[in-house]
């Protein structure tokens, strides 16, 4: 697992490029090695352990709440790059299946926009813009669409697909938000990580 990179920091916030394999926060197993513990800061949102890319942290809980409210109001723009199995019939569209944030909760409305960047042999490179922020939303939505992420093992059977990858191929590439103190619009980009770049070179 590669180490995380701090892309930007000031007295209020940190923008971090998270490697795949690193938890944002501890699960009920109480893992000690998480991005939250390493930074000693508070996440405004989360990325799956397997997902790489940009994540926003606040220096204190008050600032965290301000940023979390921005996410809830859909004022934060997020863009992902995903590798999905097969060729999508529609080159762009909106996935609107309901998603459960937790197995014991009822399903809630969820919305994911997508655009196919490139169709390859057996899989597609897709730009993904989640409008809502349900847990595992992107991974679940593409599974429901019949095109699970390359490397998906939690929401699909990897053995059902010829294209293999060591993790769910999802990268949080772009993040745009308003700074909680200066109110300036801030925009950041993260290139595809080495493992996804290598996969694209080989396939």
N, C-alpha and C. Protein backbone atom coordinates (compact mmCIF):
# COMPACT_ATOMS: atom_id res chain seq x y z
N UNK A 1 0.84 -1.20 0.00
CA UNK A 1 0.00 0.00 0.00
C UNK A 1 0.87 1.25 0.00
N UNK A 2 0.65 2.14 -0.94
CA UNK A 2 1.43 3.38 -0.98
C UNK A 2 0.95 4.34 0.10
N UNK A 3 1.77 5.35 0.39
CA UNK A 3 1.41 6.29 1.45
C UNK A 3 0.51 7.40 0.89
N UNK A 4 -0.18 8.08 1.80
CA UNK A 4 -1.05 9.17 1.39
C UNK A 4 -0.22 10.42 1.10
N UNK A 5 -0.81 11.35 0.34
CA UNK A 5 -0.15 12.63 0.03
C UNK A 5 -1.07 13.76 0.45
N UNK A 6 -0.53 14.74 1.14
CA UNK A 6 -1.29 15.95 1.46
C UNK A 6 -1.15 16.89 0.27
N UNK A 7 -2.27 17.14 -0.42
CA UNK A 7 -2.29 17.99 -1.62
C UNK A 7 -2.34 19.47 -1.24
N UNK A 8 -3.08 19.75 -0.17
CA UNK A 8 -3.23 21.14 0.28
C UNK A 8 -3.52 21.13 1.77
N UNK A 9 -3.00 22.12 2.49
CA UNK A 9 -3.37 22.28 3.90
C UNK A 9 -3.22 23.73 4.33
N UNK A 10 -4.10 24.11 5.26
CA UNK A 10 -3.99 25.40 5.92
C UNK A 10 -4.50 25.23 7.35
N UNK A 11 -4.82 26.32 8.03
CA UNK A 11 -5.23 26.22 9.43
C UNK A 11 -6.61 25.60 9.62
N UNK A 12 -7.37 25.46 8.52
CA UNK A 12 -8.75 24.98 8.61
C UNK A 12 -8.96 23.59 8.01
N UNK A 13 -8.30 23.32 6.90
CA UNK A 13 -8.60 22.10 6.15
C UNK A 13 -7.34 21.40 5.64
N UNK A 14 -7.52 20.14 5.24
CA UNK A 14 -6.51 19.39 4.50
C UNK A 14 -7.20 18.68 3.35
N UNK A 15 -6.56 18.67 2.20
CA UNK A 15 -7.01 17.86 1.07
C UNK A 15 -5.96 16.79 0.86
N UNK A 16 -6.39 15.54 0.91
CA UNK A 16 -5.45 14.41 0.91
C UNK A 16 -5.74 13.49 -0.27
N UNK A 17 -4.67 12.98 -0.87
CA UNK A 17 -4.79 11.96 -1.91
C UNK A 17 -4.60 10.61 -1.22
N UNK A 18 -5.71 9.88 -1.06
CA UNK A 18 -5.69 8.63 -0.31
C UNK A 18 -5.33 7.44 -1.21
N UNK A 19 -4.42 6.59 -0.76
CA UNK A 19 -4.14 5.39 -1.54
C UNK A 19 -5.22 4.33 -1.32
N UNK A 20 -5.39 3.45 -2.28
CA UNK A 20 -6.28 2.31 -2.09
C UNK A 20 -5.73 1.44 -0.96
N UNK A 21 -6.64 0.90 -0.15
CA UNK A 21 -6.24 0.01 0.93
C UNK A 21 -6.20 0.66 2.30
N UNK A 22 -6.28 1.99 2.35
CA UNK A 22 -6.23 2.70 3.62
C UNK A 22 -7.64 3.15 4.03
N UNK A 23 -8.03 2.81 5.25
CA UNK A 23 -9.34 3.22 5.75
C UNK A 23 -9.36 4.72 6.02
N UNK A 24 -10.53 5.35 5.79
CA UNK A 24 -10.69 6.76 6.16
C UNK A 24 -10.81 6.87 7.68
N UNK A 25 -11.73 6.09 8.24
CA UNK A 25 -11.93 6.04 9.69
C UNK A 25 -12.01 4.58 10.11
N UNK A 26 -11.89 4.34 11.40
CA UNK A 26 -11.92 2.98 11.91
C UNK A 26 -13.32 2.38 11.79
N UNK A 27 -13.38 1.09 11.56
CA UNK A 27 -14.64 0.34 11.55
C UNK A 27 -14.90 -0.11 12.99
N UNK A 28 -15.98 -0.86 13.24
CA UNK A 28 -16.19 -1.39 14.60
C UNK A 28 -15.03 -2.27 15.11
N UNK A 29 -14.16 -2.69 14.23
CA UNK A 29 -12.98 -3.47 14.64
C UNK A 29 -11.92 -2.59 15.30
N UNK A 30 -12.12 -1.28 15.24
CA UNK A 30 -11.26 -0.29 15.89
C UNK A 30 -9.81 -0.33 15.39
N UNK A 31 -9.65 -0.32 14.06
CA UNK A 31 -8.31 -0.28 13.49
C UNK A 31 -7.59 1.01 13.89
N UNK A 32 -6.32 0.90 14.18
CA UNK A 32 -5.53 2.07 14.59
C UNK A 32 -4.95 2.82 13.40
N UNK A 33 -4.65 2.10 12.33
CA UNK A 33 -4.01 2.72 11.16
C UNK A 33 -5.08 3.19 10.18
N UNK A 34 -5.55 4.42 10.36
CA UNK A 34 -6.55 5.02 9.47
C UNK A 34 -6.09 6.42 9.10
N UNK A 35 -6.65 6.95 8.05
CA UNK A 35 -6.31 8.31 7.63
C UNK A 35 -6.67 9.32 8.72
N UNK A 36 -7.79 9.09 9.37
CA UNK A 36 -8.24 9.97 10.46
C UNK A 36 -7.19 10.02 11.58
N UNK A 37 -6.68 8.86 11.98
CA UNK A 37 -5.70 8.83 13.08
C UNK A 37 -4.33 9.36 12.64
N UNK A 38 -3.95 9.09 11.40
CA UNK A 38 -2.65 9.55 10.90
C UNK A 38 -2.60 11.07 10.79
N UNK A 39 -3.72 11.68 10.39
CA UNK A 39 -3.77 13.12 10.19
C UNK A 39 -4.18 13.88 11.45
N UNK A 40 -4.80 13.17 12.39
CA UNK A 40 -5.39 13.80 13.57
C UNK A 40 -6.33 14.94 13.16
N UNK A 41 -7.19 14.61 12.19
CA UNK A 41 -8.15 15.58 11.64
C UNK A 41 -9.48 14.86 11.41
N UNK A 42 -10.48 15.63 10.97
CA UNK A 42 -11.85 15.11 10.89
C UNK A 42 -12.35 15.07 9.44
N UNK A 43 -12.72 13.89 8.95
CA UNK A 43 -13.16 13.79 7.55
C UNK A 43 -14.51 14.43 7.31
N UNK A 44 -14.62 15.20 6.21
CA UNK A 44 -15.90 15.81 5.85
C UNK A 44 -16.76 14.84 5.05
N UNK A 45 -16.14 13.78 4.52
CA UNK A 45 -16.82 12.72 3.79
C UNK A 45 -15.91 11.51 3.84
N UNK A 46 -16.29 10.42 3.19
CA UNK A 46 -15.47 9.21 3.27
C UNK A 46 -15.28 8.59 1.89
N UNK A 47 -14.20 7.85 1.79
CA UNK A 47 -13.96 7.00 0.63
C UNK A 47 -13.81 5.57 1.13
N UNK A 48 -14.30 4.62 0.35
CA UNK A 48 -14.12 3.20 0.69
C UNK A 48 -12.63 2.91 0.88
N UNK A 49 -12.37 1.84 1.63
CA UNK A 49 -10.98 1.39 1.79
C UNK A 49 -10.32 1.17 0.42
N UNK A 50 -11.07 0.56 -0.52
CA UNK A 50 -10.51 0.21 -1.82
C UNK A 50 -10.39 1.40 -2.77
N UNK A 51 -11.14 2.46 -2.51
CA UNK A 51 -11.16 3.61 -3.42
C UNK A 51 -9.97 4.53 -3.15
N UNK A 52 -9.32 4.95 -4.21
CA UNK A 52 -8.22 5.91 -4.09
C UNK A 52 -8.73 7.31 -4.43
N UNK A 53 -7.91 8.32 -4.08
CA UNK A 53 -8.24 9.66 -4.53
C UNK A 53 -8.45 10.70 -3.45
N UNK A 54 -9.07 11.81 -3.86
CA UNK A 54 -9.15 13.01 -3.04
C UNK A 54 -10.20 12.92 -1.94
N UNK A 55 -9.78 13.35 -0.75
CA UNK A 55 -10.69 13.38 0.39
C UNK A 55 -10.39 14.62 1.23
N UNK A 56 -11.43 15.24 1.74
CA UNK A 56 -11.35 16.52 2.44
C UNK A 56 -11.46 16.32 3.95
N UNK A 57 -10.53 16.91 4.70
CA UNK A 57 -10.53 16.84 6.16
C UNK A 57 -10.60 18.25 6.75
N UNK A 58 -11.19 18.34 7.95
CA UNK A 58 -11.24 19.60 8.70
C UNK A 58 -10.33 19.49 9.92
N UNK A 59 -9.83 20.63 10.37
CA UNK A 59 -8.93 20.64 11.52
C UNK A 59 -9.67 20.42 12.84
N UNK A 60 -10.95 20.82 12.89
CA UNK A 60 -11.72 20.62 14.13
C UNK A 60 -13.16 20.23 13.79
N UNK A 61 -13.92 19.89 14.82
CA UNK A 61 -15.27 19.37 14.61
C UNK A 61 -16.24 20.43 14.11
N UNK A 62 -16.03 21.68 14.50
CA UNK A 62 -16.91 22.75 14.03
C UNK A 62 -16.77 22.94 12.52
N UNK A 63 -15.54 22.96 12.05
CA UNK A 63 -15.29 23.09 10.62
C UNK A 63 -15.76 21.84 9.87
N UNK A 64 -15.60 20.69 10.50
CA UNK A 64 -16.09 19.45 9.90
C UNK A 64 -17.59 19.53 9.64
N UNK A 65 -18.34 20.05 10.61
CA UNK A 65 -19.78 20.15 10.47
C UNK A 65 -20.18 21.10 9.34
N UNK A 66 -19.45 22.21 9.22
CA UNK A 66 -19.70 23.16 8.13
C UNK A 66 -19.52 22.47 6.78
N UNK A 67 -18.44 21.72 6.64
CA UNK A 67 -18.15 21.03 5.39
C UNK A 67 -19.14 19.90 5.12
N UNK A 68 -19.51 19.17 6.16
CA UNK A 68 -20.49 18.09 5.99
C UNK A 68 -21.84 18.64 5.53
N UNK A 69 -22.19 19.82 6.04
CA UNK A 69 -23.44 20.47 5.60
C UNK A 69 -23.37 20.85 4.12
N UNK A 70 -22.19 21.26 3.66
CA UNK A 70 -22.01 21.58 2.24
C UNK A 70 -22.23 20.34 1.37
N UNK A 71 -21.75 19.21 1.85
CA UNK A 71 -21.97 17.96 1.12
C UNK A 71 -23.46 17.62 1.09
N UNK A 72 -24.13 17.75 2.23
CA UNK A 72 -25.56 17.44 2.30
C UNK A 72 -26.39 18.34 1.39
N UNK A 73 -25.96 19.57 1.23
CA UNK A 73 -26.68 20.51 0.37
C UNK A 73 -26.26 20.39 -1.10
N UNK A 74 -25.40 19.43 -1.38
CA UNK A 74 -24.93 19.14 -2.75
C UNK A 74 -24.19 20.31 -3.38
N UNK A 75 -23.47 21.02 -2.55
CA UNK A 75 -22.68 22.14 -3.04
C UNK A 75 -21.24 21.73 -3.37
N UNK A 76 -20.88 20.54 -2.97
CA UNK A 76 -19.53 20.03 -3.25
C UNK A 76 -19.58 19.21 -4.54
N UNK A 77 -18.66 19.50 -5.45
CA UNK A 77 -18.62 18.76 -6.72
C UNK A 77 -17.55 17.67 -6.63
N UNK A 78 -17.96 16.45 -6.92
CA UNK A 78 -17.04 15.31 -6.91
C UNK A 78 -17.08 14.62 -8.27
N UNK A 79 -15.91 14.19 -8.73
CA UNK A 79 -15.81 13.46 -9.98
C UNK A 79 -14.92 12.25 -9.77
N UNK A 80 -15.38 11.11 -10.27
CA UNK A 80 -14.61 9.87 -10.14
C UNK A 80 -14.31 9.31 -11.52
N UNK A 81 -13.27 8.49 -11.58
CA UNK A 81 -13.00 7.66 -12.75
C UNK A 81 -13.17 6.21 -12.31
N UNK A 82 -14.00 5.47 -13.03
CA UNK A 82 -14.26 4.07 -12.72
C UNK A 82 -13.98 3.21 -13.95
N UNK A 83 -13.51 2.01 -13.71
CA UNK A 83 -13.41 1.00 -14.76
C UNK A 83 -14.52 0.00 -14.50
N UNK A 84 -15.42 -0.17 -15.45
CA UNK A 84 -16.58 -1.05 -15.23
C UNK A 84 -16.59 -2.17 -16.27
N UNK A 85 -17.16 -3.30 -15.86
CA UNK A 85 -17.20 -4.47 -16.72
C UNK A 85 -18.12 -4.24 -17.92
N UNK A 86 -17.68 -4.71 -19.09
CA UNK A 86 -18.52 -4.70 -20.27
C UNK A 86 -18.66 -3.35 -20.95
N UNK A 87 -19.54 -3.31 -21.94
CA UNK A 87 -19.82 -2.09 -22.71
C UNK A 87 -21.22 -1.59 -22.37
N UNK A 88 -21.31 -0.35 -21.91
CA UNK A 88 -22.61 0.22 -21.54
C UNK A 88 -23.41 0.57 -22.80
N UNK A 89 -24.69 0.26 -22.78
CA UNK A 89 -25.56 0.54 -23.94
C UNK A 89 -25.67 2.04 -24.18
N UNK A 90 -25.83 2.79 -23.11
CA UNK A 90 -25.92 4.24 -23.23
C UNK A 90 -24.58 4.86 -22.86
N UNK A 91 -24.09 5.77 -23.70
CA UNK A 91 -22.78 6.37 -23.47
C UNK A 91 -22.78 7.39 -22.34
N UNK A 92 -23.97 7.84 -21.97
CA UNK A 92 -24.09 8.71 -20.80
C UNK A 92 -25.49 8.52 -20.23
N UNK A 93 -25.64 8.83 -18.97
CA UNK A 93 -26.95 8.66 -18.37
C UNK A 93 -26.94 8.95 -16.89
N UNK A 94 -28.04 8.61 -16.25
CA UNK A 94 -28.21 8.85 -14.83
C UNK A 94 -28.79 7.58 -14.20
N UNK A 95 -28.12 7.05 -13.18
CA UNK A 95 -28.58 5.85 -12.47
C UNK A 95 -29.35 6.31 -11.24
N UNK A 96 -30.55 5.81 -11.07
CA UNK A 96 -31.41 6.33 -9.99
C UNK A 96 -31.99 5.24 -9.10
N UNK A 97 -31.33 4.08 -9.02
CA UNK A 97 -31.79 3.03 -8.10
C UNK A 97 -31.62 3.49 -6.66
N UNK A 98 -32.53 3.08 -5.79
CA UNK A 98 -32.39 3.40 -4.36
C UNK A 98 -31.26 2.58 -3.75
N UNK A 99 -30.64 3.14 -2.71
CA UNK A 99 -29.49 2.50 -2.06
C UNK A 99 -29.66 2.56 -0.55
N UNK A 100 -29.28 1.47 0.12
CA UNK A 100 -29.28 1.45 1.58
C UNK A 100 -27.95 1.94 2.11
N UNK A 101 -27.97 2.93 3.02
CA UNK A 101 -26.74 3.38 3.66
C UNK A 101 -26.23 2.34 4.65
N UNK A 102 -27.16 1.55 5.18
CA UNK A 102 -26.83 0.50 6.14
C UNK A 102 -27.79 -0.65 5.94
N UNK A 103 -27.34 -1.91 6.08
CA UNK A 103 -28.22 -3.06 5.83
C UNK A 103 -29.53 -3.05 6.61
N UNK A 104 -29.52 -2.43 7.79
CA UNK A 104 -30.72 -2.42 8.62
C UNK A 104 -31.65 -1.24 8.31
N UNK A 105 -31.19 -0.33 7.47
CA UNK A 105 -32.01 0.83 7.12
C UNK A 105 -32.78 0.57 5.84
N UNK A 106 -33.83 1.35 5.65
CA UNK A 106 -34.58 1.25 4.40
C UNK A 106 -33.81 1.97 3.29
N UNK A 107 -34.08 1.58 2.05
CA UNK A 107 -33.39 2.18 0.91
C UNK A 107 -33.79 3.64 0.74
N UNK A 108 -32.84 4.44 0.29
CA UNK A 108 -33.06 5.87 0.10
C UNK A 108 -32.77 6.25 -1.36
N UNK A 109 -33.37 7.34 -1.85
CA UNK A 109 -33.09 7.77 -3.22
C UNK A 109 -31.60 8.05 -3.41
N UNK A 110 -31.10 7.65 -4.56
CA UNK A 110 -29.68 7.88 -4.87
C UNK A 110 -29.56 8.17 -6.37
N UNK A 111 -28.65 9.06 -6.70
CA UNK A 111 -28.52 9.52 -8.08
C UNK A 111 -27.05 9.59 -8.47
N UNK A 112 -26.71 8.93 -9.58
CA UNK A 112 -25.34 8.93 -10.09
C UNK A 112 -25.34 9.22 -11.58
N UNK A 113 -24.65 10.28 -11.99
CA UNK A 113 -24.49 10.58 -13.42
C UNK A 113 -23.21 9.93 -13.92
N UNK A 114 -23.23 9.51 -15.18
CA UNK A 114 -22.02 8.91 -15.74
C UNK A 114 -21.88 9.26 -17.22
N UNK A 115 -20.63 9.15 -17.70
CA UNK A 115 -20.33 9.35 -19.13
C UNK A 115 -19.18 8.41 -19.49
N UNK A 116 -19.37 7.62 -20.53
CA UNK A 116 -18.32 6.70 -20.98
C UNK A 116 -17.22 7.50 -21.67
N UNK A 117 -16.01 7.41 -21.15
CA UNK A 117 -14.86 8.08 -21.74
C UNK A 117 -14.29 7.23 -22.88
N UNK A 118 -14.22 5.92 -22.63
CA UNK A 118 -13.62 5.02 -23.61
C UNK A 118 -14.12 3.60 -23.39
N UNK A 119 -14.46 2.93 -24.48
CA UNK A 119 -14.83 1.51 -24.42
C UNK A 119 -13.62 0.68 -24.82
N UNK A 120 -13.20 -0.21 -23.94
CA UNK A 120 -12.06 -1.09 -24.21
C UNK A 120 -12.57 -2.51 -24.45
N UNK A 121 -11.64 -3.44 -24.62
CA UNK A 121 -12.00 -4.83 -24.83
C UNK A 121 -12.45 -5.48 -23.52
N UNK A 122 -13.77 -5.56 -23.33
CA UNK A 122 -14.31 -6.22 -22.14
C UNK A 122 -14.64 -5.30 -20.98
N UNK A 123 -14.24 -4.03 -21.07
CA UNK A 123 -14.56 -3.09 -19.99
C UNK A 123 -14.63 -1.67 -20.53
N UNK A 124 -15.09 -0.74 -19.69
CA UNK A 124 -15.23 0.66 -20.10
C UNK A 124 -14.62 1.58 -19.05
N UNK A 125 -14.04 2.68 -19.53
CA UNK A 125 -13.54 3.74 -18.65
C UNK A 125 -14.64 4.79 -18.56
N UNK A 126 -15.08 5.07 -17.34
CA UNK A 126 -16.28 5.90 -17.15
C UNK A 126 -16.01 7.06 -16.19
N UNK A 127 -16.47 8.24 -16.58
CA UNK A 127 -16.49 9.40 -15.67
C UNK A 127 -17.77 9.32 -14.86
N UNK A 128 -17.65 9.44 -13.54
CA UNK A 128 -18.81 9.28 -12.66
C UNK A 128 -18.96 10.51 -11.76
N UNK A 129 -20.17 11.05 -11.71
CA UNK A 129 -20.45 12.19 -10.84
C UNK A 129 -21.63 11.82 -9.93
N UNK A 130 -21.35 11.51 -8.66
CA UNK A 130 -22.44 11.19 -7.74
C UNK A 130 -23.16 12.46 -7.30
N UNK A 131 -24.47 12.48 -7.46
CA UNK A 131 -25.26 13.64 -7.03
C UNK A 131 -25.60 13.51 -5.55
N UNK A 132 -25.97 12.30 -5.14
CA UNK A 132 -26.17 12.01 -3.72
C UNK A 132 -24.93 11.28 -3.21
N UNK A 133 -24.86 11.09 -1.89
CA UNK A 133 -23.66 10.50 -1.31
C UNK A 133 -23.93 9.30 -0.43
N UNK A 134 -24.67 8.33 -0.95
CA UNK A 134 -24.96 7.12 -0.17
C UNK A 134 -23.70 6.25 -0.03
N UNK A 135 -23.69 5.46 1.02
CA UNK A 135 -22.58 4.54 1.25
C UNK A 135 -22.45 3.55 0.09
N UNK A 136 -21.23 3.45 -0.47
CA UNK A 136 -20.96 2.52 -1.58
C UNK A 136 -21.83 2.79 -2.81
N UNK A 137 -22.34 4.00 -2.95
CA UNK A 137 -23.32 4.31 -4.00
C UNK A 137 -22.84 3.95 -5.40
N UNK A 138 -21.64 4.38 -5.76
CA UNK A 138 -21.16 4.14 -7.12
C UNK A 138 -21.02 2.65 -7.39
N UNK A 139 -20.43 1.94 -6.44
CA UNK A 139 -20.22 0.50 -6.62
C UNK A 139 -21.55 -0.24 -6.73
N UNK A 140 -22.52 0.13 -5.90
CA UNK A 140 -23.83 -0.53 -5.93
C UNK A 140 -24.58 -0.18 -7.21
N UNK A 141 -24.53 1.09 -7.60
CA UNK A 141 -25.27 1.52 -8.79
C UNK A 141 -24.80 0.81 -10.06
N UNK A 142 -23.49 0.68 -10.23
CA UNK A 142 -23.02 0.00 -11.44
C UNK A 142 -23.28 -1.50 -11.39
N UNK A 143 -23.29 -2.07 -10.20
CA UNK A 143 -23.71 -3.46 -10.07
C UNK A 143 -25.18 -3.60 -10.48
N UNK A 144 -26.04 -2.69 -10.00
CA UNK A 144 -27.46 -2.72 -10.34
C UNK A 144 -27.70 -2.49 -11.84
N UNK A 145 -26.79 -1.74 -12.45
CA UNK A 145 -26.90 -1.48 -13.89
C UNK A 145 -26.47 -2.69 -14.72
N UNK A 146 -25.84 -3.65 -14.05
CA UNK A 146 -25.36 -4.85 -14.75
C UNK A 146 -23.92 -4.73 -15.22
N UNK A 147 -23.24 -3.68 -14.75
CA UNK A 147 -21.84 -3.44 -15.13
C UNK A 147 -21.03 -3.11 -13.88
N UNK A 148 -20.79 -4.11 -13.01
CA UNK A 148 -20.03 -3.83 -11.78
C UNK A 148 -18.62 -3.34 -12.08
N UNK A 149 -18.02 -2.69 -11.11
CA UNK A 149 -16.66 -2.21 -11.28
C UNK A 149 -15.71 -3.37 -11.53
N UNK A 150 -14.72 -3.14 -12.36
CA UNK A 150 -13.65 -4.11 -12.54
C UNK A 150 -12.99 -4.32 -11.17
N UNK A 151 -12.80 -5.59 -10.78
CA UNK A 151 -12.21 -5.89 -9.48
C UNK A 151 -13.20 -5.96 -8.33
N UNK A 152 -14.47 -5.71 -8.61
CA UNK A 152 -15.50 -5.74 -7.56
C UNK A 152 -15.65 -7.15 -6.99
N UNK A 153 -15.58 -7.25 -5.66
CA UNK A 153 -15.77 -8.53 -4.99
C UNK A 153 -16.86 -8.49 -3.93
N UNK A 154 -17.20 -7.30 -3.48
CA UNK A 154 -18.20 -7.17 -2.43
C UNK A 154 -19.62 -7.22 -2.97
N UNK A 155 -19.85 -6.58 -4.11
CA UNK A 155 -21.20 -6.49 -4.67
C UNK A 155 -21.39 -7.32 -5.93
N UNK A 156 -20.39 -8.09 -6.29
CA UNK A 156 -20.48 -8.96 -7.48
C UNK A 156 -19.49 -10.11 -7.30
N UNK A 157 -19.67 -11.16 -8.07
CA UNK A 157 -18.75 -12.29 -8.02
C UNK A 157 -17.64 -12.09 -9.06
N UNK A 158 -16.42 -11.90 -8.59
CA UNK A 158 -15.30 -11.66 -9.50
C UNK A 158 -15.12 -12.80 -10.50
N UNK A 159 -15.47 -14.02 -10.06
CA UNK A 159 -15.29 -15.19 -10.95
C UNK A 159 -16.20 -15.14 -12.18
N UNK A 160 -17.23 -14.31 -12.11
CA UNK A 160 -18.16 -14.19 -13.24
C UNK A 160 -17.58 -13.36 -14.39
N UNK A 161 -16.43 -12.75 -14.18
CA UNK A 161 -15.88 -11.83 -15.18
C UNK A 161 -14.44 -12.18 -15.52
N UNK A 162 -14.10 -12.06 -16.80
CA UNK A 162 -12.74 -12.37 -17.26
C UNK A 162 -11.74 -11.29 -16.86
N UNK A 163 -12.20 -10.05 -16.85
CA UNK A 163 -11.30 -8.93 -16.53
C UNK A 163 -11.09 -8.89 -15.02
N UNK A 164 -9.83 -8.97 -14.59
CA UNK A 164 -9.51 -9.03 -13.16
C UNK A 164 -8.70 -7.81 -12.73
N UNK A 165 -8.86 -7.45 -11.47
CA UNK A 165 -8.09 -6.36 -10.86
C UNK A 165 -8.06 -6.62 -9.36
N UNK A 166 -7.05 -6.09 -8.69
CA UNK A 166 -6.86 -6.44 -7.27
C UNK A 166 -7.82 -5.73 -6.33
N UNK A 167 -8.53 -4.72 -6.83
CA UNK A 167 -9.49 -3.97 -6.00
C UNK A 167 -10.60 -3.45 -6.90
N UNK A 168 -11.61 -2.87 -6.30
CA UNK A 168 -12.65 -2.20 -7.08
C UNK A 168 -12.01 -0.96 -7.72
N UNK A 169 -12.03 -0.90 -9.05
CA UNK A 169 -11.30 0.13 -9.79
C UNK A 169 -12.05 1.45 -9.78
N UNK A 170 -11.86 2.22 -8.71
CA UNK A 170 -12.56 3.50 -8.54
C UNK A 170 -11.59 4.52 -7.96
N UNK A 171 -11.56 5.72 -8.58
CA UNK A 171 -10.64 6.77 -8.15
C UNK A 171 -11.36 8.11 -8.09
N UNK A 172 -11.26 8.77 -6.94
CA UNK A 172 -11.86 10.10 -6.75
C UNK A 172 -10.89 11.13 -7.33
N UNK A 173 -11.16 11.57 -8.55
CA UNK A 173 -10.17 12.36 -9.30
C UNK A 173 -10.29 13.88 -9.10
N UNK A 174 -11.51 14.37 -8.85
CA UNK A 174 -11.71 15.82 -8.76
C UNK A 174 -12.60 16.19 -7.58
N UNK A 175 -12.26 17.30 -6.96
CA UNK A 175 -13.03 17.78 -5.81
C UNK A 175 -13.07 19.30 -5.84
N UNK A 176 -14.29 19.85 -5.76
CA UNK A 176 -14.45 21.31 -5.74
C UNK A 176 -15.42 21.69 -4.63
N UNK A 177 -15.03 22.66 -3.81
CA UNK A 177 -15.83 23.04 -2.65
C UNK A 177 -15.52 24.47 -2.24
N UNK A 178 -16.35 25.01 -1.37
CA UNK A 178 -16.11 26.35 -0.83
C UNK A 178 -15.36 26.23 0.50
N UNK A 179 -14.28 26.98 0.64
CA UNK A 179 -13.49 26.95 1.87
C UNK A 179 -14.37 27.42 3.03
N UNK A 180 -14.38 26.70 4.15
CA UNK A 180 -15.31 27.03 5.25
C UNK A 180 -15.05 28.37 5.92
N UNK A 181 -13.85 28.92 5.77
CA UNK A 181 -13.54 30.22 6.40
C UNK A 181 -13.42 31.35 5.38
N UNK A 182 -12.65 31.15 4.33
CA UNK A 182 -12.44 32.22 3.35
C UNK A 182 -13.59 32.34 2.36
N UNK A 183 -14.40 31.27 2.24
CA UNK A 183 -15.53 31.17 1.30
C UNK A 183 -15.07 31.20 -0.15
N UNK A 184 -13.79 30.94 -0.37
CA UNK A 184 -13.26 30.84 -1.73
C UNK A 184 -13.57 29.47 -2.31
N UNK A 185 -13.86 29.40 -3.61
CA UNK A 185 -14.05 28.12 -4.27
C UNK A 185 -12.67 27.50 -4.51
N UNK A 186 -12.52 26.26 -4.08
CA UNK A 186 -11.24 25.56 -4.22
C UNK A 186 -11.46 24.31 -5.06
N UNK A 187 -10.53 24.04 -5.96
CA UNK A 187 -10.66 22.92 -6.88
C UNK A 187 -9.36 22.13 -6.94
N UNK A 188 -9.47 20.81 -6.88
CA UNK A 188 -8.29 19.95 -6.86
C UNK A 188 -8.48 18.76 -7.79
N UNK A 189 -7.35 18.26 -8.31
CA UNK A 189 -7.38 17.11 -9.21
C UNK A 189 -6.31 16.12 -8.80
N UNK A 190 -6.62 14.83 -8.96
CA UNK A 190 -5.66 13.77 -8.68
C UNK A 190 -5.58 12.84 -9.88
N UNK A 191 -4.38 12.59 -10.36
CA UNK A 191 -4.20 11.67 -11.48
C UNK A 191 -4.53 10.24 -11.06
N UNK A 192 -4.84 9.41 -12.05
CA UNK A 192 -5.09 8.00 -11.76
C UNK A 192 -3.88 7.41 -11.05
N UNK A 193 -4.10 6.57 -10.03
CA UNK A 193 -2.98 5.95 -9.33
C UNK A 193 -2.26 4.95 -10.22
N UNK A 194 -1.07 4.57 -9.79
CA UNK A 194 -0.20 3.72 -10.60
C UNK A 194 -0.85 2.40 -10.98
N UNK A 195 -1.61 1.79 -10.06
CA UNK A 195 -2.19 0.48 -10.37
C UNK A 195 -3.24 0.56 -11.49
N UNK A 196 -4.05 1.62 -11.50
CA UNK A 196 -5.03 1.78 -12.56
C UNK A 196 -4.38 2.18 -13.89
N UNK A 197 -3.33 2.99 -13.82
CA UNK A 197 -2.60 3.36 -15.03
C UNK A 197 -1.95 2.13 -15.66
N UNK A 198 -1.36 1.28 -14.82
CA UNK A 198 -0.73 0.06 -15.31
C UNK A 198 -1.76 -0.88 -15.94
N UNK A 199 -2.92 -0.99 -15.28
CA UNK A 199 -3.99 -1.84 -15.82
C UNK A 199 -4.41 -1.37 -17.22
N UNK A 200 -4.55 -0.05 -17.39
CA UNK A 200 -4.95 0.49 -18.70
C UNK A 200 -3.87 0.28 -19.76
N UNK A 201 -2.62 0.34 -19.35
CA UNK A 201 -1.52 0.08 -20.31
C UNK A 201 -1.55 -1.38 -20.77
N UNK A 202 -1.89 -2.28 -19.86
CA UNK A 202 -1.86 -3.71 -20.16
C UNK A 202 -3.12 -4.20 -20.86
N UNK A 203 -4.20 -3.42 -20.78
CA UNK A 203 -5.47 -3.85 -21.37
C UNK A 203 -5.92 -2.86 -22.46
